[in-house]
Amino acid sequence: MNLIAVGVNHTTADVELREQLAFSAAQADDALVGLRELPGIREAALLSTCNRTEVYCLIDGETPDFGEWLAQARRMPVETLRRVLYTYRDEKALEHLMRVAGGLDSMVLGEPQILGQLREAYARAHEAGLINGELGRVFQDVFSVAKRIRTETGIGANPVSVAYAAVSFARHIFADLKQSRALLIGAGEMIELVARHLEEQQVHEIVIANRTQGRADDLAAQVGGRGIGLEELPVALEHADILISCTASPLPVLGKGTVERALKRRRHRPMFMVDIAVPRDIEPEVGELDDVYLYTVDHLQEAIQENVRARQEAAEQAGALIDEAIRRHHRSRREQRAVGVLRDYRRQGTELADQELQRALAQLEKGGDPEQVLRRFKHSLVNKWLHQPSVGLRRLAAEGRAEALAMAREILLDQDNLDDQPSDQESDPE
């Protein structure tokens, strides 16, 4: 097959090196032009994310020096790359590509974003003219098995990040998050992830409260929300169905009394709260209040560990699907080898039929009996079609090649419709 997968990922390179190797969309287009110029490259695609940069290609002849090419493309010493670069070939490369697409090779097992990123990489390479035939079929097989992994296993069903777990807990309390209002306290990386997950769930409103309101405004603008200062928390709390907090404050930012007053104004409509911060942002006594569902990061971690185990079981199922897909891919490639033979055989048979047809038409024009003409046409065409197979079969028999004869019988004869007549009584087509 001559399929090669080469690159670096989160298991071989630290984040600083991965950042240096990352390609923007425009840089990826330029890199594909450079890939096209490498000797032996027949088809190729480039995938670049925050956690991996990989090249997938079909080659003719010797494998190009991808380390040298990547070092030049990213303007760094090649020795730095050779320590972290891995290479997979043929079946191992196909398996690796399928594991990447299925989320089995990701930092977070089963994360779904990588499949979309891989589709974008395929589309970019196809547009650049670097994917046209066999590699295109490889990618279609990869996308097909990735879809099966998503639909037939629970690889992505359970959250394994704190931010996503917090939002998933909220979905258990509120059947329709589209009607809910969310209040987030803090504006760091964790709250940013929570905000993005809530945006994906189409929450009715997102309010972000932070000690520095400018930072809250910036983050809120990214998710279609509204930023406020911490002094506005008591009023914002009255309208919040979901509250998730993660600040760096050494003391709680939300006390029992503030929540009690908000509940009265809400007429005791339930509030879902998640305190991700360590030390905690929400006083533990808040959890004692009626109509408040308070969870801490410990609750989330327990759920995450259980979900990790579930994903690992799903990953084993996904591995079996990949093994099956690889077998199907190899079978399909072997079947492709017959295409040329079938094409030539069809052409030869068509030419023979055309010759006999022209002869029969000429006889009809001269006034020949139509029934006799058609009988001669049939007899002559069958004999000519069977002449070459007959010569070959006699040669196999003379050479004692019983297995080849059995294979020829399997190919040439319809076993379900054979007469019971012994083979030595069958007429010779010659």
Protein backbone atom coordinates (compact mmCIF):
# COMPACT_ATOMS: atom_id res chain seq x y z
CA MET A 1 0.00 0.00 0.00
CA ASN A 2 2.95 2.36 0.75
CA LEU A 3 0.86 4.37 3.23
CA ILE A 4 2.90 6.50 5.65
CA ALA A 5 1.76 8.37 8.78
CA VAL A 6 4.43 10.56 10.39
CA GLY A 7 4.25 13.27 13.02
CA VAL A 8 4.34 14.33 16.66
CA ASN A 9 1.62 14.44 19.31
CA HIS A 10 1.02 15.09 23.00
CA THR A 11 2.71 11.81 23.97
CA THR A 12 6.03 12.59 22.25
CA ALA A 13 6.38 16.40 22.39
CA ASP A 14 5.71 19.02 25.08
CA VAL A 15 3.27 21.86 24.52
CA GLU A 16 5.99 24.40 23.63
CA LEU A 17 7.28 22.22 20.80
CA ARG A 18 3.77 21.39 19.60
CA GLU A 19 3.00 25.11 19.43
CA GLN A 20 6.05 25.65 17.19
CA LEU A 21 4.93 22.82 14.90
CA ALA A 22 1.30 23.94 14.58
CA PHE A 23 0.14 25.20 11.15
CA SER A 24 -2.55 27.81 10.68
CA ALA A 25 -4.98 27.31 7.79
CA ALA A 26 -2.92 29.56 5.50
CA GLN A 27 0.34 27.92 6.58
CA ALA A 28 -1.16 24.48 5.96
CA ASP A 29 -1.97 25.48 2.36
CA ASP A 30 1.66 26.53 1.82
CA ALA A 31 2.89 23.34 3.49
CA LEU A 32 0.83 21.21 1.11
CA VAL A 33 2.58 22.92 -1.80
CA GLY A 34 5.90 21.93 -0.23
CA LEU A 35 4.71 18.36 0.32
CA ARG A 36 3.80 18.07 -3.35
CA GLU A 37 7.42 18.80 -4.28
CA LEU A 38 8.90 15.99 -2.16
CA PRO A 39 10.16 13.09 -4.32
CA GLY A 40 7.97 10.00 -4.30
CA ILE A 41 4.84 11.70 -2.89
CA ARG A 42 1.78 10.46 -4.76
CA GLU A 43 -0.99 11.71 -2.45
CA ALA A 44 -0.80 13.49 0.91
CA ALA A 45 -2.71 15.31 3.66
CA LEU A 46 -1.61 17.41 6.64
CA LEU A 47 -3.36 17.47 10.03
CA SER A 48 -2.40 20.16 12.54
CA THR A 49 -4.12 20.68 15.91
CA CYS A 50 -3.03 21.88 19.34
CA ASN A 51 -2.09 18.31 20.27
CA ARG A 52 -0.67 16.87 17.04
CA THR A 53 0.89 17.62 13.68
CA GLU A 54 0.80 14.66 11.30
CA VAL A 55 1.30 13.92 7.60
CA TYR A 56 -0.49 11.05 5.87
CA CYS A 57 0.68 10.11 2.40
CA LEU A 58 1.05 7.47 -0.27
CA ILE A 59 4.55 7.20 -1.67
CA ASP A 60 6.34 5.57 -4.59
CA GLY A 61 9.84 4.31 -3.89
CA GLU A 62 11.85 5.34 -0.84
CA THR A 63 10.31 7.30 2.05
CA PRO A 64 11.13 11.03 1.91
CA ASP A 65 12.87 12.69 4.87
CA PHE A 66 9.78 14.14 6.56
CA GLY A 67 11.85 15.29 9.53
CA GLU A 68 13.96 17.51 7.28
CA TRP A 69 10.87 18.79 5.46
CA LEU A 70 9.02 19.62 8.69
CA ALA A 71 12.09 21.28 10.22
CA GLN A 72 12.46 23.53 7.19
CA ALA A 73 8.74 24.30 7.10
CA ARG A 74 8.74 25.38 10.77
CA ARG A 75 12.28 26.82 10.75
CA MET A 76 13.74 24.73 13.56
CA PRO A 77 16.71 22.37 13.98
CA VAL A 78 15.99 18.95 12.50
CA GLU A 79 17.70 17.27 15.49
CA THR A 80 14.97 18.67 17.74
CA LEU A 81 12.34 16.96 15.61
CA ARG A 82 13.98 13.59 15.14
CA ARG A 83 13.77 12.92 18.90
CA VAL A 84 9.97 13.24 18.93
CA LEU A 85 8.94 12.17 15.41
CA TYR A 86 7.18 8.82 14.92
CA THR A 87 6.48 6.96 11.68
CA TYR A 88 3.89 4.27 10.90
CA ARG A 89 3.74 2.28 7.68
CA ASP A 90 1.03 0.46 5.74
CA GLU A 91 -1.33 -1.43 8.08
CA LYS A 92 0.07 0.29 11.20
CA ALA A 93 -0.40 3.67 9.49
CA LEU A 94 -4.00 2.81 8.61
CA GLU A 95 -4.69 1.64 12.16
CA HIS A 96 -3.13 4.83 13.57
CA LEU A 97 -5.23 7.03 11.28
CA MET A 98 -8.40 5.20 12.33
CA ARG A 99 -7.50 5.53 16.02
CA VAL A 100 -6.92 9.25 15.57
CA ALA A 101 -10.27 9.72 13.82
CA GLY A 102 -12.09 7.69 16.48
CA GLY A 103 -10.64 9.75 19.34
CA LEU A 104 -8.66 6.78 20.69
CA ASP A 105 -5.31 8.56 20.33
CA SER A 106 -6.44 11.87 21.86
CA MET A 107 -5.31 13.44 25.13
CA VAL A 108 -8.94 13.15 26.28
CA LEU A 109 -10.05 9.66 25.26
CA GLY A 110 -12.98 9.82 22.86
CA GLU A 111 -13.02 13.60 22.30
CA PRO A 112 -15.12 14.34 19.20
CA GLN A 113 -13.40 17.43 17.79
CA ILE A 114 -10.57 15.51 16.14
CA LEU A 115 -12.87 13.91 13.55
CA GLY A 116 -13.99 17.33 12.31
CA GLN A 117 -10.39 18.51 12.20
CA LEU A 118 -9.43 15.44 10.18
CA ARG A 119 -12.28 16.08 7.74
CA GLU A 120 -11.00 19.65 7.28
CA ALA A 121 -7.49 18.32 6.62
CA TYR A 122 -8.88 15.94 4.00
CA ALA A 123 -10.89 18.72 2.32
CA ARG A 124 -7.87 21.04 2.24
CA ALA A 125 -5.64 18.38 0.66
CA HIS A 126 -8.35 17.44 -1.85
CA GLU A 127 -8.76 21.08 -2.86
CA ALA A 128 -5.00 21.34 -3.31
CA GLY A 129 -5.07 18.36 -5.65
CA LEU A 130 -3.06 16.14 -3.31
CA ILE A 131 -5.84 13.60 -2.76
CA ASN A 132 -7.52 12.02 -5.76
CA GLY A 133 -7.52 8.23 -5.75
CA GLU A 134 -6.31 5.60 -3.31
CA LEU A 135 -5.67 7.93 -0.35
CA GLY A 136 -9.16 9.30 -0.84
CA ARG A 137 -10.56 5.78 -0.45
CA VAL A 138 -8.42 5.33 2.67
CA PHE A 139 -9.92 8.46 4.21
CA GLN A 140 -13.46 7.36 3.36
CA ASP A 141 -12.83 4.05 5.15
CA VAL A 142 -11.40 6.00 8.10
CA PHE A 143 -14.42 8.31 8.30
CA SER A 144 -16.75 5.32 8.05
CA VAL A 145 -15.20 3.47 10.98
CA ALA A 146 -15.05 6.70 13.03
CA LYS A 147 -18.79 7.12 12.52
CA ARG A 148 -19.38 3.54 13.65
CA ILE A 149 -17.26 4.14 16.75
CA ARG A 150 -19.42 7.15 17.61
CA THR A 151 -22.73 5.41 17.02
CA GLU A 152 -22.00 1.84 18.15
CA THR A 153 -19.88 2.46 21.27
CA GLY A 154 -20.18 4.80 24.24
CA ILE A 155 -16.80 6.39 23.57
CA GLY A 156 -18.16 9.93 23.72
CA ALA A 157 -21.27 9.42 25.82
CA ASN A 158 -19.82 10.28 29.22
CA PRO A 159 -17.98 13.52 30.12
CA VAL A 160 -14.36 13.20 31.22
CA SER A 161 -13.49 16.88 31.78
CA VAL A 162 -14.48 18.93 34.81
CA ALA A 163 -16.01 21.69 32.68
CA TYR A 164 -18.10 19.35 30.57
CA ALA A 165 -19.10 17.27 33.60
CA ALA A 166 -20.43 20.41 35.29
CA VAL A 167 -22.64 21.18 32.30
CA SER A 168 -23.75 17.56 32.06
CA PHE A 169 -24.85 17.64 35.71
CA ALA A 170 -26.96 20.68 34.88
CA ARG A 171 -28.68 18.76 32.11
CA HIS A 172 -29.84 16.20 34.67
CA ILE A 173 -31.55 18.94 36.70
CA PHE A 174 -33.02 20.95 33.82
CA ALA A 175 -34.59 18.99 31.00
CA ASP A 176 -34.18 21.87 28.53
CA LEU A 177 -31.15 24.11 29.02
CA LYS A 178 -32.43 26.39 26.26
CA GLN A 179 -34.90 27.82 28.81
CA SER A 180 -32.30 28.22 31.57
CA ARG A 181 -30.15 31.17 32.64
CA ALA A 182 -26.53 30.59 33.69
CA LEU A 183 -24.35 32.67 36.00
CA LEU A 184 -20.61 31.95 35.93
CA ILE A 185 -18.27 33.35 38.57
CA GLY A 186 -14.67 33.83 37.43
CA ALA A 187 -13.14 34.30 34.01
CA GLY A 188 -10.24 31.86 33.90
CA GLU A 189 -9.60 28.91 31.61
CA MET A 190 -12.04 26.59 33.41
CA ILE A 191 -14.91 29.06 33.29
CA GLU A 192 -14.11 29.74 29.63
CA LEU A 193 -14.52 26.03 28.87
CA VAL A 194 -17.77 25.92 30.87
CA ALA A 195 -19.07 28.95 28.97
CA ARG A 196 -18.32 27.35 25.63
CA HIS A 197 -20.08 24.12 26.61
CA LEU A 198 -23.11 26.11 27.76
CA GLU A 199 -23.11 28.03 24.49
CA GLU A 200 -23.14 24.72 22.59
CA GLN A 201 -26.20 23.71 24.64
CA GLN A 202 -27.88 26.98 23.57
CA VAL A 203 -28.50 28.18 27.13
CA HIS A 204 -30.96 31.07 27.15
CA GLU A 205 -28.57 33.51 28.87
CA ILE A 206 -24.96 33.47 30.07
CA VAL A 207 -23.81 36.05 32.62
CA ILE A 208 -20.14 36.09 33.66
CA ALA A 209 -19.17 37.78 36.93
CA ASN A 210 -15.53 38.58 37.66
CA ARG A 211 -13.52 40.81 39.97
CA THR A 212 -12.11 42.50 36.84
CA GLN A 213 -15.18 43.27 34.77
CA GLY A 214 -13.15 43.93 31.62
CA ARG A 215 -12.06 40.30 31.54
CA ALA A 216 -15.67 39.21 32.14
CA ASP A 217 -16.84 41.42 29.25
CA ASP A 218 -14.21 39.94 26.90
CA LEU A 219 -15.14 36.33 27.70
CA ALA A 220 -18.88 37.05 27.60
CA ALA A 221 -18.53 38.59 24.15
CA GLN A 222 -17.08 35.31 22.85
CA VAL A 223 -20.15 33.31 23.91
CA GLY A 224 -22.89 35.86 23.32
CA GLY A 225 -23.23 36.62 27.04
CA ARG A 226 -22.99 39.58 29.40
CA GLY A 227 -20.19 40.53 31.81
CA ILE A 228 -20.67 42.02 35.29
CA GLY A 229 -18.57 42.84 38.35
CA LEU A 230 -18.74 40.79 41.56
CA GLU A 231 -20.68 43.57 43.28
CA GLU A 232 -23.63 42.78 41.01
CA LEU A 233 -23.78 39.13 42.12
CA PRO A 234 -26.80 39.45 44.49
CA VAL A 235 -29.04 40.81 41.73
CA ALA A 236 -27.73 38.41 39.07
CA LEU A 237 -28.27 35.49 41.45
CA GLU A 238 -32.01 36.13 41.52
CA HIS A 239 -32.28 35.24 37.82
CA ALA A 240 -29.79 32.35 37.71
CA ASP A 241 -30.99 28.78 37.30
CA ILE A 242 -27.42 27.50 36.92
CA LEU A 243 -24.41 28.82 38.84
CA ILE A 244 -20.88 27.55 38.25
CA SER A 245 -17.96 29.14 40.07
CA CYS A 246 -14.20 28.85 39.74
CA THR A 247 -12.09 31.74 41.04
CA ALA A 248 -8.71 32.00 42.73
CA SER A 249 -10.18 33.66 45.81
CA PRO A 250 -8.79 32.38 49.15
CA LEU A 251 -12.24 32.99 50.75
CA PRO A 252 -15.78 32.13 49.63
CA VAL A 253 -17.34 34.65 47.27
CA LEU A 254 -20.89 33.42 47.81
CA GLY A 255 -22.46 32.94 51.26
CA LYS A 256 -25.59 31.30 52.61
CA GLY A 257 -27.35 34.58 53.38
CA THR A 258 -26.97 35.92 49.85
CA VAL A 259 -28.36 32.73 48.38
CA GLU A 260 -31.29 32.66 50.85
CA ARG A 261 -32.36 36.15 49.82
CA ALA A 262 -32.11 35.24 46.14
CA LEU A 263 -34.24 32.11 46.66
CA LYS A 264 -37.01 34.15 48.27
CA ARG A 265 -37.13 36.50 45.31
CA ARG A 266 -37.10 33.46 42.96
CA ARG A 267 -40.09 32.05 44.86
CA HIS A 268 -38.00 28.97 45.56
CA ARG A 269 -37.47 27.93 41.96
CA PRO A 270 -34.57 25.42 42.09
CA MET A 271 -30.95 26.50 41.61
CA PHE A 272 -28.17 24.21 40.40
CA MET A 273 -24.68 25.12 41.66
CA VAL A 274 -21.25 23.67 40.95
CA ASP A 275 -18.22 24.88 42.93
CA ILE A 276 -15.14 23.89 40.92
CA ALA A 277 -12.73 26.10 42.92
CA VAL A 278 -10.15 24.89 45.44
CA PRO A 279 -10.43 26.44 48.02
CA ARG A 280 -14.19 26.58 47.61
CA ASP A 281 -16.01 29.67 46.34
CA ILE A 282 -19.41 28.75 47.81
CA GLU A 283 -19.96 28.27 51.56
CA PRO A 284 -20.76 24.58 52.26
CA GLU A 285 -23.87 25.64 54.22
CA VAL A 286 -25.48 26.74 50.96
CA GLY A 287 -25.96 23.07 50.15
CA GLU A 288 -28.28 22.72 53.16
CA LEU A 289 -30.82 25.10 51.67
CA ASP A 290 -34.01 23.75 50.12
CA ASP A 291 -34.22 24.14 46.34
CA VAL A 292 -30.42 24.27 45.99
CA TYR A 293 -28.46 21.44 44.34
CA LEU A 294 -24.82 22.08 45.23
CA TYR A 295 -21.96 19.98 43.85
CA THR A 296 -18.23 20.34 44.44
CA VAL A 297 -15.25 19.37 42.33
CA ASP A 298 -15.04 16.13 44.33
CA HIS A 299 -18.50 15.10 43.12
CA LEU A 300 -17.41 15.80 39.55
CA GLN A 301 -14.17 13.86 39.92
CA GLU A 302 -16.05 10.78 41.13
CA ALA A 303 -18.30 10.93 38.08
CA ILE A 304 -15.34 11.56 35.78
CA GLN A 305 -13.42 8.53 37.04
CA GLU A 306 -16.45 6.32 36.44
CA ASN A 307 -16.86 7.82 32.98
CA VAL A 308 -13.19 7.23 32.18
CA ARG A 309 -13.68 3.55 32.96
CA ALA A 310 -16.75 3.50 30.73
CA ARG A 311 -14.82 5.14 27.90
CA GLN A 312 -11.99 2.63 28.25
CA GLU A 313 -14.48 -0.20 27.84
CA ALA A 314 -15.88 1.58 24.78
CA ALA A 315 -12.34 2.00 23.46
CA GLU A 316 -11.91 -1.78 23.49
CA GLN A 317 -15.10 -2.09 21.41
CA ALA A 318 -13.79 0.62 19.08
CA GLY A 319 -10.55 -1.32 18.66
CA ALA A 320 -12.52 -4.34 17.47
CA LEU A 321 -14.36 -2.15 14.94
CA ILE A 322 -11.01 -0.84 13.67
CA ASP A 323 -9.66 -4.38 13.24
CA GLU A 324 -12.75 -5.28 11.24
CA ALA A 325 -12.44 -2.11 9.13
CA ILE A 326 -8.79 -2.87 8.33
CA ARG A 327 -9.73 -6.36 7.14
CA ARG A 328 -12.47 -4.91 4.93
CA HIS A 329 -10.05 -2.32 3.55
CA HIS A 330 -7.50 -4.96 2.62
CA ARG A 331 -10.18 -7.09 0.99
CA SER A 332 -11.36 -4.09 -1.03
CA ARG A 333 -7.81 -3.32 -2.17
CA ARG A 334 -7.31 -6.93 -3.25
CA GLU A 335 -10.58 -6.79 -5.19
CA GLN A 336 -9.32 -3.67 -6.97
CA ARG A 337 -6.53 -5.75 -8.47
CA ALA A 338 -9.14 -7.68 -10.48
CA VAL A 339 -10.51 -4.54 -12.13
CA GLY A 340 -7.91 -4.50 -14.92
CA VAL A 341 -8.38 -8.18 -15.69
CA LEU A 342 -12.16 -7.81 -15.83
CA ARG A 343 -11.87 -4.75 -18.08
CA ASP A 344 -9.61 -6.55 -20.55
CA TYR A 345 -11.76 -9.69 -20.49
CA ARG A 346 -14.90 -7.67 -21.15
CA ARG A 347 -13.20 -5.83 -24.03
CA GLN A 348 -12.04 -9.09 -25.59
CA GLY A 349 -15.51 -10.67 -25.30
CA THR A 350 -17.15 -7.57 -26.76
CA GLU A 351 -14.80 -7.59 -29.75
CA LEU A 352 -15.55 -11.26 -30.46
CA ALA A 353 -19.30 -10.61 -30.18
CA ASP A 354 -19.05 -7.62 -32.55
CA GLN A 355 -17.21 -9.73 -35.15
CA GLU A 356 -19.80 -12.50 -35.06
CA LEU A 357 -22.65 -9.99 -35.08
CA GLN A 358 -21.32 -8.30 -38.23
CA ARG A 359 -20.97 -11.72 -39.90
CA ALA A 360 -24.55 -12.65 -38.99
CA LEU A 361 -25.94 -9.34 -40.24
CA ALA A 362 -24.10 -9.78 -43.54
CA GLN A 363 -25.64 -13.26 -43.95
CA LEU A 364 -29.11 -11.84 -43.27
CA GLU A 365 -28.60 -9.13 -45.89
CA LYS A 366 -27.79 -11.85 -48.43
CA GLY A 367 -31.15 -13.50 -47.70
CA GLY A 368 -30.02 -16.18 -45.29
CA ASP A 369 -32.60 -18.03 -43.22
CA PRO A 370 -32.85 -15.99 -39.95
CA GLU A 371 -33.17 -19.09 -37.74
CA GLN A 372 -30.12 -20.74 -39.31
CA VAL A 373 -28.14 -17.49 -39.13
CA LEU A 374 -28.94 -17.10 -35.43
CA ARG A 375 -28.02 -20.72 -34.69
CA ARG A 376 -24.66 -20.32 -36.44
CA PHE A 377 -24.14 -17.01 -34.64
CA LYS A 378 -24.72 -18.68 -31.27
CA HIS A 379 -22.50 -21.69 -32.03
CA SER A 380 -19.63 -19.64 -33.39
CA LEU A 381 -19.74 -17.04 -30.60
CA VAL A 382 -19.76 -19.65 -27.82
CA ASN A 383 -16.83 -21.52 -29.40
CA LYS A 384 -14.76 -18.37 -29.75
CA TRP A 385 -15.55 -17.23 -26.19
CA LEU A 386 -14.50 -20.61 -24.80
CA HIS A 387 -11.44 -21.20 -26.99
CA GLN A 388 -8.85 -19.51 -24.77
CA PRO A 389 -10.27 -20.87 -21.46
CA SER A 390 -10.33 -24.37 -23.03
CA VAL A 391 -6.68 -24.15 -24.03
CA GLY A 392 -5.75 -22.94 -20.55
CA LEU A 393 -7.75 -25.61 -18.75
CA ARG A 394 -6.16 -28.40 -20.83
CA ARG A 395 -2.73 -27.03 -20.00
CA LEU A 396 -3.56 -26.99 -16.25
CA ALA A 397 -4.82 -30.56 -16.45
CA ALA A 398 -1.74 -31.73 -18.35
CA GLU A 399 0.52 -30.13 -15.74
CA GLY A 400 -1.39 -31.78 -12.90
CA ARG A 401 -2.40 -28.46 -11.33
CA ALA A 402 -5.52 -29.70 -9.52
CA GLU A 403 -5.86 -26.65 -7.26
CA ALA A 404 -5.79 -24.29 -10.24
CA LEU A 405 -8.42 -26.42 -11.99
CA ALA A 406 -10.63 -26.31 -8.89
CA MET A 407 -10.26 -22.54 -8.75
CA ALA A 408 -11.12 -22.24 -12.45
CA ARG A 409 -14.23 -24.34 -11.85
CA GLU A 410 -15.24 -22.03 -9.00
CA ILE A 411 -14.76 -18.95 -11.19
CA LEU A 412 -16.27 -20.22 -14.43
CA LEU A 413 -19.23 -22.33 -13.31
CA ASP A 414 -22.47 -21.51 -11.54
CA GLN A 415 -22.40 -24.25 -8.92
CA ASP A 416 -26.08 -23.81 -8.05
CA ASN A 417 -27.24 -24.54 -11.61
CA LEU A 418 -24.88 -27.28 -12.74
CA ASP A 419 -26.39 -30.42 -14.24
CA ASP A 420 -25.70 -33.71 -12.52
CA GLN A 421 -24.12 -34.93 -15.74
CA PRO A 422 -20.58 -36.30 -15.17
CA SER A 423 -17.88 -33.98 -16.42
CA ASP A 424 -16.40 -36.58 -18.83
CA GLN A 425 -19.72 -36.60 -20.72
CA GLU A 426 -19.74 -32.85 -21.27
CA SER A 427 -19.25 -31.75 -24.82
CA ASP A 428 -15.95 -30.17 -25.87
CA PRO A 429 -16.44 -26.54 -26.96
CA GLU A 430 -13.81 -27.08 -29.59
